[in-house]
Amino acid sequence: MSLIGPRCHAIGMLASGMLFEELVPEYHQRHIMRPGLSGLAQIRGWRGPTTRRGEARARIMCDLYYVSNYSFKLDMQILVATLRSEIGRGTGF
């Protein structure tokens, strides 16, 4: 596991009765990178249980964007945003 990267999902995750991989056909591309403790989806507010299709899609699209645009700079931006969120609000990952 990395510090920054797409968060792990349990196998067979559902949103409104649909598997995540059915919602977004490119879903498995997010597994190219090691999962992280924090990621782009988390700093954008897409964390916790996801039961609605739109929320699941948004979370997955953030992960796919991260995988496609990975850079040290992006990792640092996510890390700073995570620390700022945790210190400021303490809402958890």
PDB file of N, CA and C in Angstrom:
ATOM      1  N   MET A   1       0.851  -1.168   0.000  1.00  0.00           N
ATOM      2  CA  MET A   1       0.000   0.000   0.000  1.00  0.00           C
ATOM      3  C   MET A   1       0.901   1.235   0.000  1.00  0.00           C
ATOM      4  N   SER A   2       0.439   2.256  -0.700  1.00  0.00           N
ATOM      5  CA  SER A   2       1.152   3.522  -0.780  1.00  0.00           C
ATOM      6  C   SER A   2       0.502   4.548   0.141  1.00  0.00           C
ATOM      7  N   LEU A   3       1.148   5.666   0.298  1.00  0.00           N
ATOM      8  CA  LEU A   3       0.555   6.769   1.033  1.00  0.00           C
ATOM      9  C   LEU A   3      -0.557   7.407   0.198  1.00  0.00           C
ATOM     10  N   ILE A   4      -0.288   7.606  -1.116  1.00  0.00           N
ATOM     11  CA  ILE A   4      -1.252   8.201  -2.034  1.00  0.00           C
ATOM     12  C   ILE A   4      -1.539   7.218  -3.156  1.00  0.00           C
ATOM     13  N   GLY A   5      -2.811   7.088  -3.504  1.00  0.00           N
ATOM     14  CA  GLY A   5      -3.218   6.212  -4.605  1.00  0.00           C
ATOM     15  C   GLY A   5      -4.699   5.927  -4.506  1.00  0.00           C
ATOM     16  N   PRO A   6      -5.252   5.203  -5.472  1.00  0.00           N
ATOM     17  CA  PRO A   6      -6.671   4.860  -5.404  1.00  0.00           C
ATOM     18  C   PRO A   6      -6.950   4.007  -4.165  1.00  0.00           C
ATOM     19  N   ARG A   7      -8.024   4.305  -3.458  1.00  0.00           N
ATOM     20  CA  ARG A   7      -8.372   3.510  -2.270  1.00  0.00           C
ATOM     21  C   ARG A   7      -8.870   2.129  -2.703  1.00  0.00           C
ATOM     22  N   CYS A   8      -8.631   1.147  -1.848  1.00  0.00           N
ATOM     23  CA  CYS A   8      -9.089  -0.219  -2.102  1.00  0.00           C
ATOM     24  C   CYS A   8     -10.613  -0.278  -2.055  1.00  0.00           C
ATOM     25  N   HIS A   9     -11.181  -1.113  -2.864  1.00  0.00           N
ATOM     26  CA  HIS A   9     -12.604  -1.437  -2.775  1.00  0.00           C
ATOM     27  C   HIS A   9     -12.708  -2.929  -2.534  1.00  0.00           C
ATOM     28  N   ALA A  10     -13.686  -3.326  -1.773  1.00  0.00           N
ATOM     29  CA  ALA A  10     -13.928  -4.753  -1.568  1.00  0.00           C
ATOM     30  C   ALA A  10     -14.378  -5.375  -2.885  1.00  0.00           C
ATOM     31  N   ILE A  11     -14.048  -6.632  -3.081  1.00  0.00           N
ATOM     32  CA  ILE A  11     -14.482  -7.350  -4.286  1.00  0.00           C
ATOM     33  C   ILE A  11     -16.003  -7.408  -4.293  1.00  0.00           C
ATOM     34  N   GLY A  12     -16.584  -7.115  -5.443  1.00  0.00           N
ATOM     35  CA  GLY A  12     -18.034  -7.184  -5.586  1.00  0.00           C
ATOM     36  C   GLY A  12     -18.777  -5.973  -5.048  1.00  0.00           C
ATOM     37  N   MET A  13     -18.111  -4.812  -4.951  1.00  0.00           N
ATOM     38  CA  MET A  13     -18.771  -3.594  -4.457  1.00  0.00           C
ATOM     39  C   MET A  13     -19.944  -3.250  -5.368  1.00  0.00           C
ATOM     40  N   LEU A  14     -21.066  -2.880  -4.747  1.00  0.00           N
ATOM     41  CA  LEU A  14     -22.275  -2.545  -5.488  1.00  0.00           C
ATOM     42  C   LEU A  14     -22.698  -1.111  -5.212  1.00  0.00           C
ATOM     43  N   ALA A  15     -23.289  -0.497  -6.226  1.00  0.00           N
ATOM     44  CA  ALA A  15     -23.931   0.807  -6.100  1.00  0.00           C
ATOM     45  C   ALA A  15     -25.276   0.664  -6.796  1.00  0.00           C
ATOM     46  N   SER A  16     -26.335   0.758  -6.034  1.00  0.00           N
ATOM     47  CA  SER A  16     -27.703   0.561  -6.558  1.00  0.00           C
ATOM     48  C   SER A  16     -27.830  -0.765  -7.295  1.00  0.00           C
ATOM     49  N   GLY A  17     -27.232  -1.792  -6.748  1.00  0.00           N
ATOM     50  CA  GLY A  17     -27.359  -3.131  -7.312  1.00  0.00           C
ATOM     51  C   GLY A  17     -26.455  -3.427  -8.493  1.00  0.00           C
ATOM     52  N   MET A  18     -25.597  -2.493  -8.880  1.00  0.00           N
ATOM     53  CA  MET A  18     -24.678  -2.712 -10.000  1.00  0.00           C
ATOM     54  C   MET A  18     -23.246  -2.791  -9.488  1.00  0.00           C
ATOM     55  N   LEU A  19     -22.493  -3.719 -10.047  1.00  0.00           N
ATOM     56  CA  LEU A  19     -21.078  -3.816  -9.720  1.00  0.00           C
ATOM     57  C   LEU A  19     -20.359  -2.576 -10.229  1.00  0.00           C
ATOM     58  N   PHE A  20     -19.339  -2.156  -9.517  1.00  0.00           N
ATOM     59  CA  PHE A  20     -18.577  -0.979  -9.931  1.00  0.00           C
ATOM     60  C   PHE A  20     -18.048  -1.131 -11.354  1.00  0.00           C
ATOM     61  N   GLU A  21     -17.585  -2.337 -11.702  1.00  0.00           N
ATOM     62  CA  GLU A  21     -17.043  -2.550 -13.044  1.00  0.00           C
ATOM     63  C   GLU A  21     -18.123  -2.489 -14.121  1.00  0.00           C
ATOM     64  N   GLU A  22     -19.384  -2.654 -13.749  1.00  0.00           N
ATOM     65  CA  GLU A  22     -20.479  -2.481 -14.703  1.00  0.00           C
ATOM     66  C   GLU A  22     -20.805  -0.993 -14.883  1.00  0.00           C
ATOM     67  N   LEU A  23     -20.629  -0.207 -13.825  1.00  0.00           N
ATOM     68  CA  LEU A  23     -20.884   1.231 -13.902  1.00  0.00           C
ATOM     69  C   LEU A  23     -19.864   1.940 -14.791  1.00  0.00           C
ATOM     70  N   VAL A  24     -18.609   1.562 -14.637  1.00  0.00           N
ATOM     71  CA  VAL A  24     -17.520   2.180 -15.405  1.00  0.00           C
ATOM     72  C   VAL A  24     -16.683   1.046 -15.996  1.00  0.00           C
ATOM     73  N   PRO A  25     -16.815   0.814 -17.305  1.00  0.00           N
ATOM     74  CA  PRO A  25     -16.091  -0.312 -17.931  1.00  0.00           C
ATOM     75  C   PRO A  25     -14.579  -0.282 -17.716  1.00  0.00           C
ATOM     76  N   GLU A  26     -13.991   0.903 -17.536  1.00  0.00           N
ATOM     77  CA  GLU A  26     -12.543   1.023 -17.332  1.00  0.00           C
ATOM     78  C   GLU A  26     -12.153   0.850 -15.869  1.00  0.00           C
ATOM     79  N   TYR A  27     -13.067   0.420 -15.040  1.00  0.00           N
ATOM     80  CA  TYR A  27     -12.865   0.307 -13.594  1.00  0.00           C
ATOM     81  C   TYR A  27     -11.536  -0.366 -13.238  1.00  0.00           C
ATOM     82  N   HIS A  28     -11.198  -1.445 -13.912  1.00  0.00           N
ATOM     83  CA  HIS A  28     -10.017  -2.222 -13.539  1.00  0.00           C
ATOM     84  C   HIS A  28      -8.706  -1.495 -13.845  1.00  0.00           C
ATOM     85  N   GLN A  29      -8.751  -0.417 -14.633  1.00  0.00           N
ATOM     86  CA  GLN A  29      -7.542   0.365 -14.890  1.00  0.00           C
ATOM     87  C   GLN A  29      -6.993   0.968 -13.601  1.00  0.00           C
ATOM     88  N   ARG A  30      -7.868   1.183 -12.622  1.00  0.00           N
ATOM     89  CA  ARG A  30      -7.423   1.779 -11.360  1.00  0.00           C
ATOM     90  C   ARG A  30      -6.497   0.840 -10.587  1.00  0.00           C
ATOM     91  N   HIS A  31      -6.486  -0.445 -10.945  1.00  0.00           N
ATOM     92  CA  HIS A  31      -5.643  -1.415 -10.255  1.00  0.00           C
ATOM     93  C   HIS A  31      -4.210  -1.432 -10.787  1.00  0.00           C
ATOM     94  N   ILE A  32      -3.926  -0.574 -11.761  1.00  0.00           N
ATOM     95  CA  ILE A  32      -2.561  -0.473 -12.281  1.00  0.00           C
ATOM     96  C   ILE A  32      -1.624   0.050 -11.191  1.00  0.00           C
ATOM     97  N   MET A  33      -2.160   0.893 -10.323  1.00  0.00           N
ATOM     98  CA  MET A  33      -1.358   1.502  -9.264  1.00  0.00           C
ATOM     99  C   MET A  33      -1.671   0.840  -7.930  1.00  0.00           C
ATOM    100  N   ARG A  34      -0.707   0.896  -7.031  1.00  0.00           N
ATOM    101  CA  ARG A  34      -0.948   0.372  -5.690  1.00  0.00           C
ATOM    102  C   ARG A  34      -1.967   1.251  -4.980  1.00  0.00           C
ATOM    103  N   PRO A  35      -2.823   0.658  -4.156  1.00  0.00           N
ATOM    104  CA  PRO A  35      -3.794   1.464  -3.413  1.00  0.00           C
ATOM    105  C   PRO A  35      -3.093   2.351  -2.392  1.00  0.00           C
ATOM    106  N   GLY A  36      -3.768   3.421  -2.011  1.00  0.00           N
ATOM    107  CA  GLY A  36      -3.184   4.363  -1.065  1.00  0.00           C
ATOM    108  C   GLY A  36      -4.092   4.644   0.112  1.00  0.00           C
ATOM    109  N   LEU A  37      -3.509   5.225   1.143  1.00  0.00           N
ATOM    110  CA  LEU A  37      -4.282   5.622   2.321  1.00  0.00           C
ATOM    111  C   LEU A  37      -5.179   6.811   2.015  1.00  0.00           C
ATOM    112  N   SER A  38      -4.738   7.669   1.106  1.00  0.00           N
ATOM    113  CA  SER A  38      -5.540   8.806   0.666  1.00  0.00           C
ATOM    114  C   SER A  38      -5.396   8.918  -0.834  1.00  0.00           C
ATOM    115  N   GLY A  39      -6.353   9.584  -1.452  1.00  0.00           N
ATOM    116  CA  GLY A  39      -6.305   9.733  -2.894  1.00  0.00           C
ATOM    117  C   GLY A  39      -7.133  10.917  -3.350  1.00  0.00           C
ATOM    118  N   LEU A  40      -7.168  11.096  -4.649  1.00  0.00           N
ATOM    119  CA  LEU A  40      -7.882  12.222  -5.231  1.00  0.00           C
ATOM    120  C   LEU A  40      -9.371  12.178  -4.889  1.00  0.00           C
ATOM    121  N   ALA A  41      -9.969  11.012  -4.939  1.00  0.00           N
ATOM    122  CA  ALA A  41     -11.398  10.895  -4.613  1.00  0.00           C
ATOM    123  C   ALA A  41     -11.662  11.313  -3.169  1.00  0.00           C
ATOM    124  N   GLN A  42     -10.775  10.969  -2.263  1.00  0.00           N
ATOM    125  CA  GLN A  42     -10.988  11.285  -0.855  1.00  0.00           C
ATOM    126  C   GLN A  42     -10.898  12.786  -0.593  1.00  0.00           C
ATOM    127  N   ILE A  43      -9.957  13.464  -1.226  1.00  0.00           N
ATOM    128  CA  ILE A  43      -9.854  14.899  -0.972  1.00  0.00           C
ATOM    129  C   ILE A  43     -10.976  15.677  -1.654  1.00  0.00           C
ATOM    130  N   ARG A  44     -11.618  15.043  -2.637  1.00  0.00           N
ATOM    131  CA  ARG A  44     -12.768  15.682  -3.291  1.00  0.00           C
ATOM    132  C   ARG A  44     -14.086  15.326  -2.600  1.00  0.00           C
ATOM    133  N   GLY A  45     -13.999  14.588  -1.494  1.00  0.00           N
ATOM    134  CA  GLY A  45     -15.186  14.293  -0.703  1.00  0.00           C
ATOM    135  C   GLY A  45     -15.871  12.979  -1.013  1.00  0.00           C
ATOM    136  N   TRP A  46     -15.317  12.181  -1.920  1.00  0.00           N
ATOM    137  CA  TRP A  46     -15.919  10.887  -2.279  1.00  0.00           C
ATOM    138  C   TRP A  46     -15.290   9.797  -1.426  1.00  0.00           C
ATOM    139  N   ARG A  47     -15.775   9.662  -0.202  1.00  0.00           N
ATOM    140  CA  ARG A  47     -15.255   8.633   0.706  1.00  0.00           C
ATOM    141  C   ARG A  47     -16.411   8.060   1.505  1.00  0.00           C
ATOM    142  N   GLY A  48     -16.136   6.946   2.145  1.00  0.00           N
ATOM    143  CA  GLY A  48     -17.179   6.288   2.915  1.00  0.00           C
ATOM    144  C   GLY A  48     -18.045   5.408   2.034  1.00  0.00           C
ATOM    145  N   PRO A  49     -19.089   4.852   2.599  1.00  0.00           N
ATOM    146  CA  PRO A  49     -19.970   3.961   1.829  1.00  0.00           C
ATOM    147  C   PRO A  49     -20.586   4.686   0.636  1.00  0.00           C
ATOM    148  N   THR A  50     -20.642   3.985  -0.476  1.00  0.00           N
ATOM    149  CA  THR A  50     -21.208   4.543  -1.696  1.00  0.00           C
ATOM    150  C   THR A  50     -22.290   3.599  -2.200  1.00  0.00           C
ATOM    151  N   THR A  51     -23.517   4.044  -2.150  1.00  0.00           N
ATOM    152  CA  THR A  51     -24.611   3.195  -2.619  1.00  0.00           C
ATOM    153  C   THR A  51     -25.271   3.748  -3.881  1.00  0.00           C
ATOM    154  N   ARG A  52     -25.056   5.032  -4.175  1.00  0.00           N
ATOM    155  CA  ARG A  52     -25.672   5.620  -5.363  1.00  0.00           C
ATOM    156  C   ARG A  52     -24.718   5.557  -6.552  1.00  0.00           C
ATOM    157  N   ARG A  53     -25.279   5.290  -7.715  1.00  0.00           N
ATOM    158  CA  ARG A  53     -24.462   5.114  -8.924  1.00  0.00           C
ATOM    159  C   ARG A  53     -23.622   6.343  -9.240  1.00  0.00           C
ATOM    160  N   GLY A  54     -24.206   7.525  -9.148  1.00  0.00           N
ATOM    161  CA  GLY A  54     -23.461   8.742  -9.474  1.00  0.00           C
ATOM    162  C   GLY A  54     -22.263   8.955  -8.570  1.00  0.00           C
ATOM    163  N   GLU A  55     -22.430   8.669  -7.294  1.00  0.00           N
ATOM    164  CA  GLU A  55     -21.318   8.807  -6.347  1.00  0.00           C
ATOM    165  C   GLU A  55     -20.215   7.791  -6.645  1.00  0.00           C
ATOM    166  N   ALA A  56     -20.615   6.558  -6.924  1.00  0.00           N
ATOM    167  CA  ALA A  56     -19.633   5.519  -7.241  1.00  0.00           C
ATOM    168  C   ALA A  56     -18.880   5.883  -8.519  1.00  0.00           C
ATOM    169  N   ARG A  57     -19.607   6.348  -9.525  1.00  0.00           N
ATOM    170  CA  ARG A  57     -18.991   6.752 -10.789  1.00  0.00           C
ATOM    171  C   ARG A  57     -17.991   7.898 -10.562  1.00  0.00           C
ATOM    172  N   ALA A  58     -18.374   8.890  -9.765  1.00  0.00           N
ATOM    173  CA  ALA A  58     -17.490  10.029  -9.493  1.00  0.00           C
ATOM    174  C   ALA A  58     -16.210   9.568  -8.795  1.00  0.00           C
ATOM    175  N   ARG A  59     -16.345   8.683  -7.833  1.00  0.00           N
ATOM    176  CA  ARG A  59     -15.180   8.165  -7.115  1.00  0.00           C
ATOM    177  C   ARG A  59     -14.238   7.423  -8.060  1.00  0.00           C
ATOM    178  N   ILE A  60     -14.819   6.570  -8.888  1.00  0.00           N
ATOM    179  CA  ILE A  60     -14.010   5.782  -9.821  1.00  0.00           C
ATOM    180  C   ILE A  60     -13.338   6.687 -10.847  1.00  0.00           C
ATOM    181  N   MET A  61     -14.052   7.697 -11.331  1.00  0.00           N
ATOM    182  CA  MET A  61     -13.472   8.608 -12.316  1.00  0.00           C
ATOM    183  C   MET A  61     -12.307   9.399 -11.713  1.00  0.00           C
ATOM    184  N   CYS A  62     -12.402   9.763 -10.433  1.00  0.00           N
ATOM    185  CA  CYS A  62     -11.266  10.410  -9.764  1.00  0.00           C
ATOM    186  C   CYS A  62     -10.062   9.473  -9.740  1.00  0.00           C
ATOM    187  N   ASP A  63     -10.297   8.208  -9.425  1.00  0.00           N
ATOM    188  CA  ASP A  63      -9.207   7.229  -9.394  1.00  0.00           C
ATOM    189  C   ASP A  63      -8.586   7.068 -10.776  1.00  0.00           C
ATOM    190  N   LEU A  64      -9.418   6.998 -11.807  1.00  0.00           N
ATOM    191  CA  LEU A  64      -8.907   6.838 -13.166  1.00  0.00           C
ATOM    192  C   LEU A  64      -8.130   8.079 -13.611  1.00  0.00           C
ATOM    193  N   TYR A  65      -8.604   9.247 -13.217  1.00  0.00           N
ATOM    194  CA  TYR A  65      -7.870  10.473 -13.527  1.00  0.00           C
ATOM    195  C   TYR A  65      -6.498  10.428 -12.865  1.00  0.00           C
ATOM    196  N   TYR A  66      -6.459  10.019 -11.614  1.00  0.00           N
ATOM    197  CA  TYR A  66      -5.193   9.932 -10.883  1.00  0.00           C
ATOM    198  C   TYR A  66      -4.234   8.986 -11.601  1.00  0.00           C
ATOM    199  N   VAL A  67      -4.720   7.813 -11.982  1.00  0.00           N
ATOM    200  CA  VAL A  67      -3.869   6.829 -12.656  1.00  0.00           C
ATOM    201  C   VAL A  67      -3.328   7.396 -13.964  1.00  0.00           C
ATOM    202  N   SER A  68      -4.162   8.083 -14.718  1.00  0.00           N
ATOM    203  CA  SER A  68      -3.754   8.631 -16.024  1.00  0.00           C
ATOM    204  C   SER A  68      -2.828   9.834 -15.896  1.00  0.00           C
ATOM    205  N   ASN A  69      -2.920  10.562 -14.801  1.00  0.00           N
ATOM    206  CA  ASN A  69      -2.174  11.803 -14.645  1.00  0.00           C
ATOM    207  C   ASN A  69      -1.187  11.763 -13.488  1.00  0.00           C
ATOM    208  N   TYR A  70      -0.793  10.577 -13.084  1.00  0.00           N
ATOM    209  CA  TYR A  70       0.101  10.407 -11.947  1.00  0.00           C
ATOM    210  C   TYR A  70       1.363  11.251 -12.116  1.00  0.00           C
ATOM    211  N   SER A  71       1.731  11.947 -11.048  1.00  0.00           N
ATOM    212  CA  SER A  71       2.985  12.691 -11.013  1.00  0.00           C
ATOM    213  C   SER A  71       3.337  12.948  -9.548  1.00  0.00           C
ATOM    214  N   PHE A  72       4.579  13.258  -9.313  1.00  0.00           N
ATOM    215  CA  PHE A  72       5.017  13.604  -7.968  1.00  0.00           C
ATOM    216  C   PHE A  72       4.265  14.848  -7.492  1.00  0.00           C
ATOM    217  N   LYS A  73       4.083  15.801  -8.395  1.00  0.00           N
ATOM    218  CA  LYS A  73       3.377  17.042  -8.054  1.00  0.00           C
ATOM    219  C   LYS A  73       1.936  16.746  -7.615  1.00  0.00           C
ATOM    220  N   LEU A  74       1.243  15.888  -8.346  1.00  0.00           N
ATOM    221  CA  LEU A  74      -0.130  15.534  -7.978  1.00  0.00           C
ATOM    222  C   LEU A  74      -0.160  14.836  -6.623  1.00  0.00           C
ATOM    223  N   ASP A  75       0.793  13.942  -6.391  1.00  0.00           N
ATOM    224  CA  ASP A  75       0.876  13.276  -5.086  1.00  0.00           C
ATOM    225  C   ASP A  75       1.062  14.295  -3.958  1.00  0.00           C
ATOM    226  N   MET A  76       1.913  15.275  -4.174  1.00  0.00           N
ATOM    227  CA  MET A  76       2.156  16.293  -3.148  1.00  0.00           C
ATOM    228  C   MET A  76       0.910  17.150  -2.922  1.00  0.00           C
ATOM    229  N   GLN A  77       0.194  17.470  -3.989  1.00  0.00           N
ATOM    230  CA  GLN A  77      -1.049  18.237  -3.842  1.00  0.00           C
ATOM    231  C   GLN A  77      -2.076  17.457  -3.029  1.00  0.00           C
ATOM    232  N   ILE A  78      -2.193  16.160  -3.295  1.00  0.00           N
ATOM    233  CA  ILE A  78      -3.136  15.319  -2.559  1.00  0.00           C
ATOM    234  C   ILE A  78      -2.701  15.198  -1.099  1.00  0.00           C
ATOM    235  N   LEU A  79      -1.409  15.020  -0.868  1.00  0.00           N
ATOM    236  CA  LEU A  79      -0.894  14.902   0.491  1.00  0.00           C
ATOM    237  C   LEU A  79      -1.161  16.177   1.291  1.00  0.00           C
ATOM    238  N   VAL A  80      -0.872  17.326   0.713  1.00  0.00           N
ATOM    239  CA  VAL A  80      -1.106  18.603   1.401  1.00  0.00           C
ATOM    240  C   VAL A  80      -2.600  18.791   1.677  1.00  0.00           C
ATOM    241  N   ALA A  81      -3.442  18.487   0.694  1.00  0.00           N
ATOM    242  CA  ALA A  81      -4.896  18.625   0.892  1.00  0.00           C
ATOM    243  C   ALA A  81      -5.392  17.680   1.979  1.00  0.00           C
ATOM    244  N   THR A  82      -4.837  16.474   2.031  1.00  0.00           N
ATOM    245  CA  THR A  82      -5.228  15.508   3.067  1.00  0.00           C
ATOM    246  C   THR A  82      -4.826  16.021   4.444  1.00  0.00           C
ATOM    247  N   LEU A  83      -3.597  16.478   4.563  1.00  0.00           N
ATOM    248  CA  LEU A  83      -3.131  16.996   5.849  1.00  0.00           C
ATOM    249  C   LEU A  83      -3.937  18.221   6.273  1.00  0.00           C
ATOM    250  N   ARG A  84      -4.207  19.098   5.340  1.00  0.00           N
ATOM    251  CA  ARG A  84      -4.992  20.297   5.639  1.00  0.00           C
ATOM    252  C   ARG A  84      -6.387  19.899   6.133  1.00  0.00           C
ATOM    253  N   SER A  85      -6.989  18.916   5.495  1.00  0.00           N
ATOM    254  CA  SER A  85      -8.317  18.450   5.882  1.00  0.00           C
ATOM    255  C   SER A  85      -8.296  17.825   7.272  1.00  0.00           C
ATOM    256  N   GLU A  86      -7.298  17.006   7.529  1.00  0.00           N
ATOM    257  CA  GLU A  86      -7.210  16.307   8.806  1.00  0.00           C
ATOM    258  C   GLU A  86      -6.905  17.255   9.957  1.00  0.00           C
ATOM    259  N   ILE A  87      -6.027  18.189   9.729  1.00  0.00           N
ATOM    260  CA  ILE A  87      -5.671  19.146  10.775  1.00  0.00           C
ATOM    261  C   ILE A  87      -6.826  20.128  11.004  1.00  0.00           C
ATOM    262  N   GLY A  88      -7.448  20.555   9.912  1.00  0.00           N
ATOM    263  CA  GLY A  88      -8.506  21.552  10.010  1.00  0.00           C
ATOM    264  C   GLY A  88      -9.822  21.014  10.527  1.00  0.00           C
ATOM    265  N   ARG A  89     -10.236  19.859  10.016  1.00  0.00           N
ATOM    266  CA  ARG A  89     -11.564  19.333  10.369  1.00  0.00           C
ATOM    267  C   ARG A  89     -11.518  18.008  11.087  1.00  0.00           C
ATOM    268  N   GLY A  90     -10.464  17.248  10.888  1.00  0.00           N
ATOM    269  CA  GLY A  90     -10.372  15.948  11.536  1.00  0.00           C
ATOM    270  C   GLY A  90     -11.488  15.003  11.141  1.00  0.00           C
ATOM    271  N   THR A  91     -11.858  15.009   9.849  1.00  0.00           N
ATOM    272  CA  THR A  91     -12.976  14.184   9.395  1.00  0.00           C
ATOM    273  C   THR A  91     -12.580  12.760   9.046  1.00  0.00           C
ATOM    274  N   GLY A  92     -11.314  12.448   9.073  1.00  0.00           N
ATOM    275  CA  GLY A  92     -10.857  11.095   8.741  1.00  0.00           C
ATOM    276  C   GLY A  92     -10.698  10.915   7.259  1.00  0.00           C
ATOM    277  N   PHE A  93     -10.064   9.817   6.890  1.00  0.00           N
ATOM    278  CA  PHE A  93      -9.818   9.519   5.489  1.00  0.00           C
ATOM    279  C   PHE A  93     -11.098   9.002   4.928  1.00  0.00           C
TER     280      PHE A  93
END
